Amino acid sequence: MDCCSNYSDVYIFADDAKFSRHIVQPYDINLLQHALDSLQKWTQKWLLSLNIKKCKVVSYGRNVDKTYTYKLVDYSNQENALERVEKIKDLGVWFDEKLTFKEHINDINVAYMMLGLIKRNYGRAGSVSVF
């Protein structure tokens, strides 16, 4: 996305985009907001809709200032603050603010428990299940 790459790093996969910027000074916060504004202008130009409710902000690091609120304007010209979250699932992997991956590991363990349950109940040779 050339419209936003001047202000932040942009990572795109299918219909999903991530904006990333290392925030060192207040100027960096403004550049990331400019990237969001540019994205919004680009979507309006190409008549694409942006689901603002699905847009989230997550900050990674130890001493991160989380007081700033990033905003997007909806189609009724109302400014909406983006929700700040502590963890987010991206392409099947849970990322938390401290990059511990505890939630992701827990998800994997639950999946293995479910697999064990399925194997125990439906994996016997000669058994028949009717649903």
C-alpha atoms as a PDB file:
ATOM      1  CA  MET A   1       0.000   0.000   0.000  1.00  0.00           C
ATOM      2  CA  ASP A   2       1.895   2.972  -1.266  1.00  0.00           C
ATOM      3  CA  CYS A   3      -0.530   5.417   0.306  1.00  0.00           C
ATOM      4  CA  CYS A   4       0.635   4.587   3.839  1.00  0.00           C
ATOM      5  CA  SER A   5       4.193   3.316   3.509  1.00  0.00           C
ATOM      6  CA  ASN A   6       5.678   6.806   3.910  1.00  0.00           C
ATOM      7  CA  TYR A   7       4.371   6.956   7.473  1.00  0.00           C
ATOM      8  CA  SER A   8       4.688   3.396   8.799  1.00  0.00           C
ATOM      9  CA  ASP A   9       5.587  -0.157   7.912  1.00  0.00           C
ATOM     10  CA  VAL A  10       2.644  -1.903   6.267  1.00  0.00           C
ATOM     11  CA  TYR A  11       2.162  -5.674   6.278  1.00  0.00           C
ATOM     12  CA  ILE A  12      -0.586  -7.076   4.043  1.00  0.00           C
ATOM     13  CA  PHE A  13      -1.998 -10.594   3.815  1.00  0.00           C
ATOM     14  CA  ALA A  14      -5.176 -11.167   1.792  1.00  0.00           C
ATOM     15  CA  ASP A  15      -7.741  -8.638   3.109  1.00  0.00           C
ATOM     16  CA  ASP A  16      -5.798  -7.930   6.304  1.00  0.00           C
ATOM     17  CA  ALA A  17      -3.308  -5.113   6.889  1.00  0.00           C
ATOM     18  CA  LYS A  18      -1.101  -4.218   9.818  1.00  0.00           C
ATOM     19  CA  PHE A  19       0.552  -0.896  10.436  1.00  0.00           C
ATOM     20  CA  SER A  20       3.677  -0.813  12.537  1.00  0.00           C
ATOM     21  CA  ARG A  21       5.895   1.972  13.775  1.00  0.00           C
ATOM     22  CA  HIS A  22       8.513   2.112  16.503  1.00  0.00           C
ATOM     23  CA  ILE A  23       7.327   4.924  18.778  1.00  0.00           C
ATOM     24  CA  VAL A  24      10.314   6.819  20.170  1.00  0.00           C
ATOM     25  CA  GLN A  25       8.988  10.367  20.251  1.00  0.00           C
ATOM     26  CA  PRO A  26       5.599  12.088  19.860  1.00  0.00           C
ATOM     27  CA  TYR A  27       6.375  12.704  16.183  1.00  0.00           C
ATOM     28  CA  ASP A  28       6.200   8.927  15.602  1.00  0.00           C
ATOM     29  CA  ILE A  29       2.681   8.826  17.059  1.00  0.00           C
ATOM     30  CA  ASN A  30       1.626  11.501  14.579  1.00  0.00           C
ATOM     31  CA  LEU A  31       3.159   9.578  11.666  1.00  0.00           C
ATOM     32  CA  LEU A  32       1.225   6.436  12.589  1.00  0.00           C
ATOM     33  CA  GLN A  33      -1.985   8.467  12.778  1.00  0.00           C
ATOM     34  CA  HIS A  34      -1.146   9.925   9.330  1.00  0.00           C
ATOM     35  CA  ALA A  35      -0.834   6.347   8.012  1.00  0.00           C
ATOM     36  CA  LEU A  36      -4.332   5.574   9.315  1.00  0.00           C
ATOM     37  CA  ASP A  37      -5.677   8.774   7.764  1.00  0.00           C
ATOM     38  CA  SER A  38      -4.053   7.890   4.429  1.00  0.00           C
ATOM     39  CA  LEU A  39      -5.571   4.409   4.555  1.00  0.00           C
ATOM     40  CA  GLN A  40      -8.966   5.922   5.156  1.00  0.00           C
ATOM     41  CA  LYS A  41      -8.636   8.302   2.193  1.00  0.00           C
ATOM     42  CA  TRP A  42      -7.479   5.396   0.008  1.00  0.00           C
ATOM     43  CA  THR A  43     -10.497   3.266   0.972  1.00  0.00           C
ATOM     44  CA  GLN A  44     -12.863   6.145   0.246  1.00  0.00           C
ATOM     45  CA  LYS A  45     -11.218   6.784  -3.130  1.00  0.00           C
ATOM     46  CA  TRP A  46     -11.693   3.150  -4.161  1.00  0.00           C
ATOM     47  CA  LEU A  47     -15.175   2.899  -2.577  1.00  0.00           C
ATOM     48  CA  LEU A  48     -14.093   0.234  -0.089  1.00  0.00           C
ATOM     49  CA  SER A  49     -15.567  -0.087   3.359  1.00  0.00           C
ATOM     50  CA  LEU A  50     -13.423  -0.363   6.455  1.00  0.00           C
ATOM     51  CA  ASN A  51     -14.866  -2.149   9.483  1.00  0.00           C
ATOM     52  CA  ILE A  52     -13.649   0.140  12.252  1.00  0.00           C
ATOM     53  CA  LYS A  53     -14.919  -2.238  14.950  1.00  0.00           C
ATOM     54  CA  LYS A  54     -12.385  -4.824  13.788  1.00  0.00           C
ATOM     55  CA  CYS A  55      -9.495  -2.347  13.900  1.00  0.00           C
ATOM     56  CA  LYS A  56      -7.447  -2.747  17.079  1.00  0.00           C
ATOM     57  CA  VAL A  57      -4.327  -1.210  18.603  1.00  0.00           C
ATOM     58  CA  VAL A  58      -1.763  -3.286  20.470  1.00  0.00           C
ATOM     59  CA  SER A  59       1.573  -2.021  21.765  1.00  0.00           C
ATOM     60  CA  TYR A  60       4.579  -4.265  22.276  1.00  0.00           C
ATOM     61  CA  GLY A  61       7.324  -3.505  24.783  1.00  0.00           C
ATOM     62  CA  ARG A  62       8.051  -2.906  28.446  1.00  0.00           C
ATOM     63  CA  ASN A  63       7.688   0.839  28.920  1.00  0.00           C
ATOM     64  CA  VAL A  64       5.084   1.795  26.352  1.00  0.00           C
ATOM     65  CA  ASP A  65       3.027   4.964  26.621  1.00  0.00           C
ATOM     66  CA  LYS A  66      -0.554   3.831  26.068  1.00  0.00           C
ATOM     67  CA  THR A  67      -2.221   7.167  26.693  1.00  0.00           C
ATOM     68  CA  TYR A  68      -2.516   8.132  23.025  1.00  0.00           C
ATOM     69  CA  THR A  69      -5.668   7.093  21.184  1.00  0.00           C
ATOM     70  CA  TYR A  70      -5.582   6.437  17.456  1.00  0.00           C
ATOM     71  CA  LYS A  71      -8.711   7.402  15.531  1.00  0.00           C
ATOM     72  CA  LEU A  72     -10.541   6.639  12.305  1.00  0.00           C
ATOM     73  CA  VAL A  73     -13.482   8.542  10.848  1.00  0.00           C
ATOM     74  CA  ASP A  74     -16.510   6.505   9.804  1.00  0.00           C
ATOM     75  CA  TYR A  75     -18.717   7.223   6.789  1.00  0.00           C
ATOM     76  CA  SER A  76     -20.969   9.537   8.778  1.00  0.00           C
ATOM     77  CA  ASN A  77     -17.876  11.677   9.525  1.00  0.00           C
ATOM     78  CA  GLN A  78     -17.890  10.635  13.165  1.00  0.00           C
ATOM     79  CA  GLU A  79     -14.472  10.151  14.748  1.00  0.00           C
ATOM     80  CA  ASN A  80     -14.002   6.734  16.381  1.00  0.00           C
ATOM     81  CA  ALA A  81     -11.226   5.839  18.799  1.00  0.00           C
ATOM     82  CA  LEU A  82      -9.653   2.488  17.985  1.00  0.00           C
ATOM     83  CA  GLU A  83      -9.898  -0.094  20.744  1.00  0.00           C
ATOM     84  CA  ARG A  84      -6.621  -0.831  22.540  1.00  0.00           C
ATOM     85  CA  VAL A  85      -6.193  -4.515  23.428  1.00  0.00           C
ATOM     86  CA  GLU A  86      -3.595  -6.463  25.421  1.00  0.00           C
ATOM     87  CA  LYS A  87      -3.603  -9.476  23.099  1.00  0.00           C
ATOM     88  CA  ILE A  88      -4.642 -10.175  19.539  1.00  0.00           C
ATOM     89  CA  LYS A  89      -4.939 -13.235  17.313  1.00  0.00           C
ATOM     90  CA  ASP A  90      -3.233 -12.869  13.952  1.00  0.00           C
ATOM     91  CA  LEU A  91      -3.146 -15.655  11.355  1.00  0.00           C
ATOM     92  CA  GLY A  92      -3.938 -18.208  14.067  1.00  0.00           C
ATOM     93  CA  VAL A  93      -1.274 -17.052  16.530  1.00  0.00           C
ATOM     94  CA  TRP A  94      -2.001 -15.148  19.743  1.00  0.00           C
ATOM     95  CA  PHE A  95       0.304 -12.170  20.370  1.00  0.00           C
ATOM     96  CA  ASP A  96       0.305 -10.399  23.740  1.00  0.00           C
ATOM     97  CA  GLU A  97       1.913  -7.085  24.706  1.00  0.00           C
ATOM     98  CA  LYS A  98       4.962  -8.769  26.225  1.00  0.00           C
ATOM     99  CA  LEU A  99       5.292 -11.380  23.448  1.00  0.00           C
ATOM    100  CA  THR A 100       5.147 -14.274  25.936  1.00  0.00           C
ATOM    101  CA  PHE A 101       2.808 -16.380  23.717  1.00  0.00           C
ATOM    102  CA  LYS A 102       1.123 -17.795  26.863  1.00  0.00           C
ATOM    103  CA  GLU A 103      -2.331 -17.523  25.276  1.00  0.00           C
ATOM    104  CA  HIS A 104      -1.129 -19.259  22.109  1.00  0.00           C
ATOM    105  CA  ILE A 105       0.477 -22.099  24.077  1.00  0.00           C
ATOM    106  CA  ASN A 106      -2.728 -22.491  26.098  1.00  0.00           C
ATOM    107  CA  ASP A 107      -4.722 -22.641  22.841  1.00  0.00           C
ATOM    108  CA  ILE A 108      -2.460 -25.412  21.536  1.00  0.00           C
ATOM    109  CA  ASN A 109      -2.820 -27.389  24.777  1.00  0.00           C
ATOM    110  CA  VAL A 110      -6.620 -27.132  24.587  1.00  0.00           C
ATOM    111  CA  ALA A 111      -6.507 -28.354  20.967  1.00  0.00           C
ATOM    112  CA  TYR A 112      -4.413 -31.374  22.000  1.00  0.00           C
ATOM    113  CA  MET A 113      -6.855 -32.158  24.819  1.00  0.00           C
ATOM    114  CA  MET A 114      -9.762 -32.048  22.346  1.00  0.00           C
ATOM    115  CA  LEU A 115      -7.839 -34.276  19.944  1.00  0.00           C
ATOM    116  CA  GLY A 116      -7.247 -36.780  22.754  1.00  0.00           C
ATOM    117  CA  LEU A 117     -10.957 -36.732  23.617  1.00  0.00           C
ATOM    118  CA  ILE A 118     -11.898 -37.391  19.985  1.00  0.00           C
ATOM    119  CA  LYS A 119      -9.358 -40.211  19.658  1.00  0.00           C
ATOM    120  CA  ARG A 120     -10.510 -41.832  22.905  1.00  0.00           C
ATOM    121  CA  ASN A 121     -14.185 -41.748  22.011  1.00  0.00           C
ATOM    122  CA  TYR A 122     -14.164 -42.255  18.253  1.00  0.00           C
ATOM    123  CA  GLY A 123     -10.803 -43.767  17.458  1.00  0.00           C
ATOM    124  CA  ARG A 124     -11.464 -47.380  18.502  1.00  0.00           C
ATOM    125  CA  ALA A 125     -11.216 -49.956  15.757  1.00  0.00           C
ATOM    126  CA  GLY A 126     -14.602 -51.299  14.759  1.00  0.00           C
ATOM    127  CA  SER A 127     -16.626 -48.588  16.482  1.00  0.00           C
ATOM    128  CA  VAL A 128     -19.481 -46.922  14.629  1.00  0.00           C
ATOM    129  CA  SER A 129     -20.809 -43.452  15.263  1.00  0.00           C
ATOM    130  CA  VAL A 130     -24.124 -42.177  13.960  1.00  0.00           C
ATOM    131  CA  PHE A 131     -24.981 -38.479  14.104  1.00  0.00           C
END
